[in-house]
Amino acid sequence: MSKVPLTAPGAQKLREDLQRLKSVDRPRVINAIAEARAHGDLKENAEYHAAKEQQSFIEGRIADIESQLSNAQIIDVTTINTGGKVVFGATVDLIDEESGAEVTYQIVGDLEADIKQGKISVSSPIARALIGKEQGDVAVVKAPGGERGYEIVAIHYV
């Protein structure tokens, strides 16, 4: 399996989620199962079945995060000599040439992408058009609605 790119802050967030699942959520569910067992008949015990379902979800999430971290190539953009170009992990301020709207995107791995937070996947059409460009360049994005041009106003490496 090939390595999946992940920013350093994204990897840290996954580690924090994993730690919380193992040290807080898992023990809480184990206690809920033990308490539900004490109530007797397990066949008709809704609390027991709900707790077992929650335990299954938590264990699955733990395995998923551990797998993601083991297959991740963690890239810290602050330590890379970028030469002023847009690279993975960079935050880019753009102006839509058609509407004049200003937008800011950070190029992150597929696991971290969240458009509401301005984090776009490195495999998205916008990110692919931006990679390798410099401040002042215009990136032409081939989107389903046609081509759109974005002028690169600033590039930040945070």
N, C-alpha and C. Protein backbone atom coordinates (compact mmCIF):
# COMPACT_ATOMS: atom_id res chain seq x y z
N MET A 1 0.85 -1.18 0.00
CA MET A 1 0.00 0.00 0.00
C MET A 1 0.89 1.24 0.00
N SER A 2 0.56 2.21 -0.82
CA SER A 2 1.38 3.42 -0.90
C SER A 2 1.08 4.36 0.26
N LYS A 3 2.04 5.20 0.54
CA LYS A 3 1.90 6.16 1.63
C LYS A 3 0.93 7.28 1.22
N VAL A 4 0.12 7.71 2.17
CA VAL A 4 -0.85 8.78 1.95
C VAL A 4 -0.30 10.04 2.60
N PRO A 5 -0.26 11.18 1.87
CA PRO A 5 0.28 12.40 2.47
C PRO A 5 -0.64 12.94 3.56
N LEU A 6 -0.01 13.47 4.61
CA LEU A 6 -0.73 14.01 5.76
C LEU A 6 0.09 15.15 6.32
N THR A 7 -0.56 16.27 6.63
CA THR A 7 0.18 17.38 7.22
C THR A 7 0.51 17.06 8.67
N ALA A 8 1.52 17.73 9.22
CA ALA A 8 1.90 17.50 10.61
C ALA A 8 0.74 17.82 11.57
N PRO A 9 0.02 18.95 11.39
CA PRO A 9 -1.13 19.20 12.28
C PRO A 9 -2.24 18.16 12.11
N GLY A 10 -2.43 17.65 10.90
CA GLY A 10 -3.43 16.62 10.67
C GLY A 10 -3.08 15.32 11.38
N ALA A 11 -1.79 14.97 11.36
CA ALA A 11 -1.33 13.78 12.05
C ALA A 11 -1.49 13.95 13.56
N GLN A 12 -1.19 15.14 14.06
CA GLN A 12 -1.33 15.40 15.50
C GLN A 12 -2.80 15.28 15.93
N LYS A 13 -3.72 15.77 15.11
CA LYS A 13 -5.14 15.67 15.42
C LYS A 13 -5.57 14.20 15.47
N LEU A 14 -5.09 13.40 14.52
CA LEU A 14 -5.42 11.97 14.54
C LEU A 14 -4.87 11.29 15.79
N ARG A 15 -3.64 11.66 16.18
CA ARG A 15 -3.06 11.08 17.41
C ARG A 15 -3.87 11.45 18.64
N GLU A 16 -4.35 12.71 18.69
CA GLU A 16 -5.17 13.16 19.82
C GLU A 16 -6.50 12.40 19.86
N ASP A 17 -7.11 12.21 18.67
CA ASP A 17 -8.36 11.44 18.61
C ASP A 17 -8.13 10.01 19.09
N LEU A 18 -7.03 9.42 18.66
CA LEU A 18 -6.70 8.05 19.05
C LEU A 18 -6.50 7.95 20.56
N GLN A 19 -5.77 8.90 21.12
CA GLN A 19 -5.53 8.92 22.57
C GLN A 19 -6.84 9.04 23.34
N ARG A 20 -7.75 9.94 22.88
CA ARG A 20 -9.04 10.12 23.53
C ARG A 20 -9.87 8.84 23.46
N LEU A 21 -9.89 8.20 22.29
CA LEU A 21 -10.65 6.97 22.13
C LEU A 21 -10.14 5.88 23.08
N LYS A 22 -8.81 5.76 23.19
CA LYS A 22 -8.23 4.71 24.03
C LYS A 22 -8.33 5.01 25.52
N SER A 23 -8.15 6.26 25.91
CA SER A 23 -8.07 6.57 27.34
C SER A 23 -9.38 7.06 27.96
N VAL A 24 -10.32 7.53 27.15
CA VAL A 24 -11.57 8.06 27.69
C VAL A 24 -12.77 7.24 27.23
N ASP A 25 -12.95 7.15 25.92
CA ASP A 25 -14.15 6.50 25.38
C ASP A 25 -14.19 4.99 25.62
N ARG A 26 -13.07 4.31 25.39
CA ARG A 26 -13.03 2.86 25.57
C ARG A 26 -13.34 2.47 27.03
N PRO A 27 -12.67 3.07 28.05
CA PRO A 27 -12.99 2.70 29.43
C PRO A 27 -14.45 3.03 29.81
N ARG A 28 -14.99 4.14 29.28
CA ARG A 28 -16.37 4.51 29.59
C ARG A 28 -17.33 3.44 29.08
N VAL A 29 -17.10 2.93 27.87
CA VAL A 29 -17.98 1.91 27.30
C VAL A 29 -17.82 0.59 28.03
N ILE A 30 -16.60 0.25 28.41
CA ILE A 30 -16.38 -0.99 29.17
C ILE A 30 -17.16 -0.95 30.49
N ASN A 31 -17.14 0.20 31.16
CA ASN A 31 -17.91 0.35 32.39
C ASN A 31 -19.41 0.25 32.13
N ALA A 32 -19.88 0.82 31.02
CA ALA A 32 -21.30 0.76 30.68
C ALA A 32 -21.73 -0.68 30.41
N ILE A 33 -20.85 -1.46 29.76
CA ILE A 33 -21.16 -2.87 29.50
C ILE A 33 -21.24 -3.65 30.81
N ALA A 34 -20.27 -3.41 31.69
CA ALA A 34 -20.27 -4.10 32.99
C ALA A 34 -21.52 -3.75 33.80
N GLU A 35 -21.91 -2.48 33.77
CA GLU A 35 -23.10 -2.05 34.50
C GLU A 35 -24.36 -2.68 33.90
N ALA A 36 -24.44 -2.74 32.58
CA ALA A 36 -25.60 -3.33 31.92
C ALA A 36 -25.68 -4.84 32.18
N ARG A 37 -24.53 -5.49 32.26
CA ARG A 37 -24.51 -6.93 32.56
C ARG A 37 -25.07 -7.20 33.96
N ALA A 38 -24.83 -6.27 34.86
CA ALA A 38 -25.28 -6.44 36.24
C ALA A 38 -26.81 -6.40 36.35
N HIS A 39 -27.46 -5.86 35.32
CA HIS A 39 -28.92 -5.78 35.35
C HIS A 39 -29.60 -7.11 35.02
N GLY A 40 -28.82 -8.09 34.61
CA GLY A 40 -29.41 -9.41 34.39
C GLY A 40 -29.53 -9.81 32.93
N ASP A 41 -30.69 -10.37 32.58
CA ASP A 41 -30.95 -10.98 31.27
C ASP A 41 -30.42 -10.14 30.11
N LEU A 42 -29.41 -10.66 29.41
CA LEU A 42 -28.76 -9.91 28.33
C LEU A 42 -29.57 -9.92 27.03
N LYS A 43 -30.48 -10.91 26.87
CA LYS A 43 -31.25 -10.99 25.64
C LYS A 43 -32.17 -9.78 25.46
N GLU A 44 -32.73 -9.31 26.54
CA GLU A 44 -33.69 -8.20 26.46
C GLU A 44 -33.14 -6.93 27.10
N ASN A 45 -31.84 -6.83 27.18
CA ASN A 45 -31.22 -5.68 27.83
C ASN A 45 -30.74 -4.68 26.77
N ALA A 46 -31.53 -3.63 26.54
CA ALA A 46 -31.22 -2.63 25.51
C ALA A 46 -29.95 -1.88 25.84
N GLU A 47 -29.72 -1.60 27.11
CA GLU A 47 -28.50 -0.88 27.52
C GLU A 47 -27.26 -1.67 27.14
N TYR A 48 -27.31 -2.98 27.37
CA TYR A 48 -26.18 -3.84 27.05
C TYR A 48 -25.90 -3.83 25.55
N HIS A 49 -26.96 -3.99 24.75
CA HIS A 49 -26.78 -4.03 23.29
C HIS A 49 -26.29 -2.69 22.75
N ALA A 50 -26.76 -1.60 23.31
CA ALA A 50 -26.31 -0.27 22.89
C ALA A 50 -24.83 -0.08 23.24
N ALA A 51 -24.45 -0.51 24.42
CA ALA A 51 -23.06 -0.37 24.85
C ALA A 51 -22.13 -1.25 24.00
N LYS A 52 -22.57 -2.45 23.68
CA LYS A 52 -21.76 -3.34 22.82
C LYS A 52 -21.61 -2.73 21.42
N GLU A 53 -22.67 -2.12 20.91
CA GLU A 53 -22.61 -1.47 19.60
C GLU A 53 -21.64 -0.30 19.64
N GLN A 54 -21.70 0.47 20.72
CA GLN A 54 -20.79 1.61 20.89
C GLN A 54 -19.34 1.11 20.98
N GLN A 55 -19.12 0.01 21.69
CA GLN A 55 -17.78 -0.56 21.81
C GLN A 55 -17.26 -0.99 20.45
N SER A 56 -18.11 -1.61 19.66
CA SER A 56 -17.72 -2.04 18.31
C SER A 56 -17.32 -0.84 17.46
N PHE A 57 -18.09 0.25 17.55
CA PHE A 57 -17.78 1.45 16.79
C PHE A 57 -16.43 2.02 17.21
N ILE A 58 -16.19 2.12 18.52
CA ILE A 58 -14.93 2.68 19.04
C ILE A 58 -13.74 1.83 18.62
N GLU A 59 -13.86 0.52 18.75
CA GLU A 59 -12.76 -0.36 18.35
C GLU A 59 -12.48 -0.24 16.85
N GLY A 60 -13.52 -0.12 16.05
CA GLY A 60 -13.34 0.06 14.61
C GLY A 60 -12.66 1.38 14.29
N ARG A 61 -13.04 2.43 15.01
CA ARG A 61 -12.44 3.75 14.79
C ARG A 61 -10.96 3.74 15.21
N ILE A 62 -10.65 3.07 16.31
CA ILE A 62 -9.26 2.96 16.76
C ILE A 62 -8.42 2.26 15.69
N ALA A 63 -8.92 1.15 15.18
CA ALA A 63 -8.19 0.41 14.14
C ALA A 63 -8.03 1.26 12.88
N ASP A 64 -9.06 2.02 12.53
CA ASP A 64 -9.01 2.88 11.35
C ASP A 64 -7.94 3.96 11.50
N ILE A 65 -7.91 4.64 12.63
CA ILE A 65 -6.93 5.70 12.87
C ILE A 65 -5.51 5.13 12.90
N GLU A 66 -5.33 3.99 13.57
CA GLU A 66 -4.00 3.37 13.61
C GLU A 66 -3.52 3.01 12.21
N SER A 67 -4.43 2.51 11.38
CA SER A 67 -4.09 2.18 9.99
C SER A 67 -3.73 3.44 9.20
N GLN A 68 -4.50 4.50 9.38
CA GLN A 68 -4.22 5.76 8.67
C GLN A 68 -2.85 6.31 9.05
N LEU A 69 -2.55 6.29 10.34
CA LEU A 69 -1.25 6.81 10.79
C LEU A 69 -0.09 5.94 10.30
N SER A 70 -0.28 4.63 10.27
CA SER A 70 0.81 3.76 9.83
C SER A 70 1.05 3.87 8.32
N ASN A 71 0.03 4.28 7.57
CA ASN A 71 0.18 4.43 6.12
C ASN A 71 0.38 5.87 5.70
N ALA A 72 0.65 6.75 6.65
CA ALA A 72 0.77 8.18 6.34
C ALA A 72 2.22 8.58 6.12
N GLN A 73 2.41 9.48 5.17
CA GLN A 73 3.70 10.14 4.99
C GLN A 73 3.47 11.55 5.53
N ILE A 74 4.00 11.83 6.71
CA ILE A 74 3.75 13.10 7.36
C ILE A 74 4.70 14.15 6.79
N ILE A 75 4.11 15.22 6.28
CA ILE A 75 4.87 16.29 5.64
C ILE A 75 4.68 17.58 6.43
N ASP A 76 5.79 18.14 6.91
CA ASP A 76 5.76 19.41 7.62
C ASP A 76 6.24 20.49 6.66
N VAL A 77 5.31 21.28 6.15
CA VAL A 77 5.62 22.27 5.12
C VAL A 77 6.58 23.35 5.62
N THR A 78 6.65 23.55 6.94
CA THR A 78 7.53 24.60 7.47
C THR A 78 9.00 24.21 7.36
N THR A 79 9.29 22.94 7.12
CA THR A 79 10.68 22.49 7.04
C THR A 79 11.15 22.27 5.60
N ILE A 80 10.26 22.54 4.63
CA ILE A 80 10.59 22.28 3.23
C ILE A 80 11.01 23.58 2.54
N ASN A 81 12.06 23.49 1.71
CA ASN A 81 12.44 24.63 0.88
C ASN A 81 11.54 24.62 -0.34
N THR A 82 10.54 25.51 -0.35
CA THR A 82 9.52 25.50 -1.39
C THR A 82 9.87 26.35 -2.59
N GLY A 83 10.80 27.27 -2.44
CA GLY A 83 11.15 28.16 -3.54
C GLY A 83 10.01 29.10 -3.90
N GLY A 84 9.11 29.36 -2.96
CA GLY A 84 8.00 30.28 -3.21
C GLY A 84 6.87 29.67 -4.02
N LYS A 85 6.89 28.36 -4.21
CA LYS A 85 5.86 27.70 -5.01
C LYS A 85 4.78 27.10 -4.10
N VAL A 86 3.62 26.87 -4.70
CA VAL A 86 2.54 26.20 -3.99
C VAL A 86 2.89 24.71 -3.91
N VAL A 87 2.93 24.18 -2.69
CA VAL A 87 3.23 22.77 -2.46
C VAL A 87 2.21 22.20 -1.50
N PHE A 88 2.26 20.89 -1.30
CA PHE A 88 1.39 20.23 -0.33
C PHE A 88 1.56 20.89 1.03
N GLY A 89 0.47 21.21 1.68
CA GLY A 89 0.51 21.82 3.01
C GLY A 89 0.46 23.33 2.99
N ALA A 90 0.67 23.95 1.83
CA ALA A 90 0.66 25.41 1.74
C ALA A 90 -0.77 25.94 1.87
N THR A 91 -0.88 27.15 2.41
CA THR A 91 -2.14 27.87 2.46
C THR A 91 -2.06 28.96 1.41
N VAL A 92 -3.06 29.02 0.55
CA VAL A 92 -3.01 29.91 -0.61
C VAL A 92 -4.21 30.86 -0.60
N ASP A 93 -3.92 32.16 -0.73
CA ASP A 93 -4.97 33.17 -0.87
C ASP A 93 -5.19 33.39 -2.36
N LEU A 94 -6.45 33.29 -2.78
CA LEU A 94 -6.78 33.37 -4.20
C LEU A 94 -7.87 34.41 -4.45
N ILE A 95 -7.90 34.91 -5.69
CA ILE A 95 -9.01 35.76 -6.14
C ILE A 95 -9.59 35.09 -7.38
N ASP A 96 -10.90 34.84 -7.32
CA ASP A 96 -11.61 34.28 -8.46
C ASP A 96 -11.68 35.38 -9.52
N GLU A 97 -11.08 35.16 -10.68
CA GLU A 97 -11.02 36.19 -11.72
C GLU A 97 -12.41 36.57 -12.25
N GLU A 98 -13.34 35.63 -12.21
CA GLU A 98 -14.67 35.88 -12.74
C GLU A 98 -15.52 36.72 -11.78
N SER A 99 -15.55 36.32 -10.52
CA SER A 99 -16.43 36.99 -9.55
C SER A 99 -15.70 38.01 -8.68
N GLY A 100 -14.37 37.93 -8.60
CA GLY A 100 -13.61 38.83 -7.74
C GLY A 100 -13.60 38.40 -6.28
N ALA A 101 -14.23 37.26 -6.00
CA ALA A 101 -14.30 36.76 -4.62
C ALA A 101 -12.93 36.27 -4.16
N GLU A 102 -12.61 36.57 -2.90
CA GLU A 102 -11.35 36.10 -2.31
C GLU A 102 -11.61 34.83 -1.52
N VAL A 103 -10.76 33.84 -1.71
CA VAL A 103 -10.86 32.59 -0.96
C VAL A 103 -9.47 32.17 -0.50
N THR A 104 -9.45 31.42 0.59
CA THR A 104 -8.19 30.89 1.11
C THR A 104 -8.35 29.38 1.27
N TYR A 105 -7.39 28.64 0.72
CA TYR A 105 -7.40 27.19 0.83
C TYR A 105 -6.06 26.70 1.34
N GLN A 106 -6.11 25.64 2.14
CA GLN A 106 -4.89 24.93 2.51
C GLN A 106 -4.96 23.59 1.80
N ILE A 107 -3.86 23.21 1.17
CA ILE A 107 -3.81 21.95 0.44
C ILE A 107 -3.35 20.86 1.42
N VAL A 108 -4.24 19.89 1.65
CA VAL A 108 -3.99 18.84 2.64
C VAL A 108 -4.23 17.47 2.01
N GLY A 109 -4.00 16.43 2.77
CA GLY A 109 -4.24 15.07 2.31
C GLY A 109 -5.72 14.75 2.27
N ASP A 110 -6.06 13.67 1.60
CA ASP A 110 -7.45 13.26 1.46
C ASP A 110 -8.13 13.04 2.82
N LEU A 111 -7.39 12.56 3.81
CA LEU A 111 -7.95 12.29 5.13
C LEU A 111 -8.34 13.56 5.88
N GLU A 112 -7.70 14.68 5.55
CA GLU A 112 -7.92 15.93 6.29
C GLU A 112 -8.87 16.89 5.60
N ALA A 113 -9.18 16.65 4.34
CA ALA A 113 -9.95 17.61 3.54
C ALA A 113 -11.28 17.95 4.21
N ASP A 114 -11.56 19.25 4.30
CA ASP A 114 -12.81 19.76 4.86
C ASP A 114 -13.03 21.15 4.27
N ILE A 115 -13.86 21.23 3.26
CA ILE A 115 -14.05 22.49 2.54
C ILE A 115 -14.60 23.58 3.45
N LYS A 116 -15.36 23.22 4.47
CA LYS A 116 -15.91 24.22 5.40
C LYS A 116 -14.79 24.93 6.17
N GLN A 117 -13.68 24.25 6.37
CA GLN A 117 -12.52 24.83 7.05
C GLN A 117 -11.49 25.35 6.06
N GLY A 118 -11.80 25.30 4.78
CA GLY A 118 -10.88 25.79 3.76
C GLY A 118 -9.74 24.84 3.49
N LYS A 119 -9.92 23.56 3.80
CA LYS A 119 -8.88 22.55 3.56
C LYS A 119 -9.32 21.70 2.38
N ILE A 120 -8.54 21.78 1.29
CA ILE A 120 -8.89 21.02 0.09
C ILE A 120 -7.89 19.88 -0.13
N SER A 121 -8.40 18.80 -0.67
CA SER A 121 -7.58 17.62 -0.92
C SER A 121 -6.55 17.89 -2.01
N VAL A 122 -5.38 17.35 -1.83
CA VAL A 122 -4.31 17.49 -2.82
C VAL A 122 -4.72 16.88 -4.16
N SER A 123 -5.69 16.00 -4.16
CA SER A 123 -6.14 15.38 -5.40
C SER A 123 -7.32 16.11 -6.04
N SER A 124 -7.78 17.21 -5.43
CA SER A 124 -8.90 17.97 -5.99
C SER A 124 -8.43 18.76 -7.22
N PRO A 125 -9.36 19.10 -8.12
CA PRO A 125 -8.98 19.87 -9.31
C PRO A 125 -8.32 21.22 -8.99
N ILE A 126 -8.80 21.90 -7.95
CA ILE A 126 -8.22 23.20 -7.59
C ILE A 126 -6.77 23.02 -7.12
N ALA A 127 -6.55 22.05 -6.23
CA ALA A 127 -5.19 21.82 -5.72
C ALA A 127 -4.24 21.41 -6.84
N ARG A 128 -4.70 20.53 -7.73
CA ARG A 128 -3.84 20.10 -8.83
C ARG A 128 -3.46 21.28 -9.72
N ALA A 129 -4.38 22.23 -9.90
CA ALA A 129 -4.08 23.41 -10.72
C ALA A 129 -3.12 24.36 -10.00
N LEU A 130 -3.16 24.38 -8.67
CA LEU A 130 -2.33 25.31 -7.90
C LEU A 130 -0.90 24.81 -7.68
N ILE A 131 -0.71 23.51 -7.54
CA ILE A 131 0.60 22.96 -7.23
C ILE A 131 1.63 23.41 -8.27
N GLY A 132 2.75 23.95 -7.76
CA GLY A 132 3.84 24.37 -8.62
C GLY A 132 3.76 25.83 -9.06
N LYS A 133 2.63 26.48 -8.82
CA LYS A 133 2.48 27.88 -9.22
C LYS A 133 3.10 28.79 -8.15
N GLU A 134 3.32 30.06 -8.52
CA GLU A 134 3.91 31.05 -7.61
C GLU A 134 2.94 32.21 -7.42
N GLN A 135 3.27 33.07 -6.47
CA GLN A 135 2.46 34.25 -6.22
C GLN A 135 2.38 35.10 -7.50
N GLY A 136 1.18 35.55 -7.86
CA GLY A 136 0.97 36.34 -9.06
C GLY A 136 0.54 35.52 -10.26
N ASP A 137 0.76 34.19 -10.21
CA ASP A 137 0.34 33.32 -11.31
C ASP A 137 -1.18 33.15 -11.29
N VAL A 138 -1.71 32.75 -12.42
CA VAL A 138 -3.13 32.43 -12.53
C VAL A 138 -3.25 30.93 -12.74
N ALA A 139 -4.01 30.29 -11.88
CA ALA A 139 -4.25 28.86 -11.99
C ALA A 139 -5.60 28.66 -12.67
N VAL A 140 -5.62 27.89 -13.74
CA VAL A 140 -6.86 27.60 -14.45
C VAL A 140 -7.35 26.24 -13.99
N VAL A 141 -8.56 26.24 -13.41
CA VAL A 141 -9.14 25.02 -12.85
C VAL A 141 -10.19 24.51 -13.81
N LYS A 142 -10.04 23.25 -14.20
CA LYS A 142 -11.03 22.62 -15.06
C LYS A 142 -12.07 21.96 -14.17
N ALA A 143 -13.19 22.64 -14.01
CA ALA A 143 -14.27 22.16 -13.15
C ALA A 143 -15.43 21.68 -14.01
N PRO A 144 -16.35 20.92 -13.43
CA PRO A 144 -17.50 20.44 -14.21
C PRO A 144 -18.31 21.58 -14.85
N GLY A 145 -18.32 22.76 -14.23
CA GLY A 145 -19.06 23.89 -14.76
C GLY A 145 -18.25 24.70 -15.76
N GLY A 146 -17.09 24.24 -16.15
CA GLY A 146 -16.23 24.97 -17.08
C GLY A 146 -14.94 25.39 -16.41
N GLU A 147 -14.12 26.12 -17.16
CA GLU A 147 -12.83 26.55 -16.61
C GLU A 147 -13.00 27.82 -15.79
N ARG A 148 -12.24 27.88 -14.68
CA ARG A 148 -12.24 29.07 -13.82
C ARG A 148 -10.80 29.45 -13.55
N GLY A 149 -10.55 30.73 -13.51
CA GLY A 149 -9.21 31.22 -13.24
C GLY A 149 -9.11 31.79 -11.84
N TYR A 150 -8.04 31.45 -11.15
CA TYR A 150 -7.78 31.97 -9.80
C TYR A 150 -6.40 32.59 -9.79
N GLU A 151 -6.32 33.86 -9.40
CA GLU A 151 -5.03 34.51 -9.27
C GLU A 151 -4.50 34.25 -7.87
N ILE A 152 -3.22 33.86 -7.77
CA ILE A 152 -2.60 33.57 -6.48
C ILE A 152 -2.10 34.89 -5.89
N VAL A 153 -2.73 35.31 -4.78
CA VAL A 153 -2.39 36.56 -4.13
C VAL A 153 -1.25 36.37 -3.14
N ALA A 154 -1.30 35.29 -2.36
CA ALA A 154 -0.28 35.03 -1.35
C ALA A 154 -0.20 33.53 -1.07
N ILE A 155 0.99 33.11 -0.65
CA ILE A 155 1.22 31.73 -0.28
C ILE A 155 1.83 31.74 1.13
N HIS A 156 1.24 30.93 2.03
CA HIS A 156 1.73 30.86 3.41
C HIS A 156 2.12 29.41 3.70
N TYR A 157 3.19 29.26 4.43
CA TYR A 157 3.65 27.92 4.83
C TYR A 157 3.60 27.83 6.35
N VAL A 158 2.46 27.37 6.87
CA VAL A 158 2.25 27.33 8.32
C VAL A 158 2.21 25.92 8.82
